[in-house]
Amino acid sequence: MYEELIKKKIIVSLRSGWIRVSPHFYNTDDEIKELLNNV
């Protein structure tokens, strides 16, 4: 899943075998929806 998210230019990190998502106030609703649709 990590590689697929990266290919789609969804920025996540891999930490100890877990995918880390770190949304912030500057992420748009559309960006959050795109992440959720791809998880």
C-alpha atoms as a PDB file:
ATOM      1  CA  MET A   1       0.000   0.000   0.000  1.00  0.00           C
ATOM      2  CA  TYR A   2       2.864   2.392   0.810  1.00  0.00           C
ATOM      3  CA  GLU A   3       4.281   2.164  -2.707  1.00  0.00           C
ATOM      4  CA  GLU A   4       0.860   2.737  -4.286  1.00  0.00           C
ATOM      5  CA  LEU A   5       0.261   5.875  -2.197  1.00  0.00           C
ATOM      6  CA  ILE A   6       3.699   7.231  -3.125  1.00  0.00           C
ATOM      7  CA  LYS A   7       3.052   6.537  -6.839  1.00  0.00           C
ATOM      8  CA  LYS A   8      -0.134   8.602  -6.534  1.00  0.00           C
ATOM      9  CA  LYS A   9       1.895  11.422  -4.924  1.00  0.00           C
ATOM     10  CA  ILE A  10       0.177  11.005  -1.577  1.00  0.00           C
ATOM     11  CA  ILE A  11       2.865  11.832   0.949  1.00  0.00           C
ATOM     12  CA  VAL A  12       3.139   9.266   3.726  1.00  0.00           C
ATOM     13  CA  SER A  13       6.068   7.739   5.580  1.00  0.00           C
ATOM     14  CA  LEU A  14       6.949   4.198   6.531  1.00  0.00           C
ATOM     15  CA  ARG A  15       7.824   3.776  10.220  1.00  0.00           C
ATOM     16  CA  SER A  16       8.647   0.368  11.695  1.00  0.00           C
ATOM     17  CA  GLY A  17       6.447  -1.345   9.129  1.00  0.00           C
ATOM     18  CA  TRP A  18       3.505   1.026   9.632  1.00  0.00           C
ATOM     19  CA  ILE A  19       2.276   3.719   7.251  1.00  0.00           C
ATOM     20  CA  ARG A  20       2.239   7.119   8.909  1.00  0.00           C
ATOM     21  CA  VAL A  21      -0.129   9.844   7.742  1.00  0.00           C
ATOM     22  CA  SER A  22       0.340  13.308   9.164  1.00  0.00           C
ATOM     23  CA  PRO A  23      -2.407  15.695   8.022  1.00  0.00           C
ATOM     24  CA  HIS A  24      -2.181  19.354   8.967  1.00  0.00           C
ATOM     25  CA  PHE A  25      -4.407  22.403   8.870  1.00  0.00           C
ATOM     26  CA  TYR A  26      -3.110  23.326   5.406  1.00  0.00           C
ATOM     27  CA  ASN A  27      -4.322  20.089   3.791  1.00  0.00           C
ATOM     28  CA  THR A  28      -7.477  20.618   1.785  1.00  0.00           C
ATOM     29  CA  ASP A  29     -10.654  18.592   2.170  1.00  0.00           C
ATOM     30  CA  ASP A  30     -10.029  17.181  -1.303  1.00  0.00           C
ATOM     31  CA  GLU A  31      -6.548  15.974  -0.305  1.00  0.00           C
ATOM     32  CA  ILE A  32      -7.947  14.214   2.768  1.00  0.00           C
ATOM     33  CA  LYS A  33     -10.716  12.619   0.674  1.00  0.00           C
ATOM     34  CA  GLU A  34      -8.124  11.441  -1.869  1.00  0.00           C
ATOM     35  CA  LEU A  35      -6.093   9.801   0.901  1.00  0.00           C
ATOM     36  CA  LEU A  36      -9.147   8.094   2.377  1.00  0.00           C
ATOM     37  CA  ASN A  37     -10.296   6.869  -1.036  1.00  0.00           C
ATOM     38  CA  ASN A  38      -6.895   5.234  -1.547  1.00  0.00           C
ATOM     39  CA  VAL A  39      -6.580   3.516   1.812  1.00  0.00           C
END
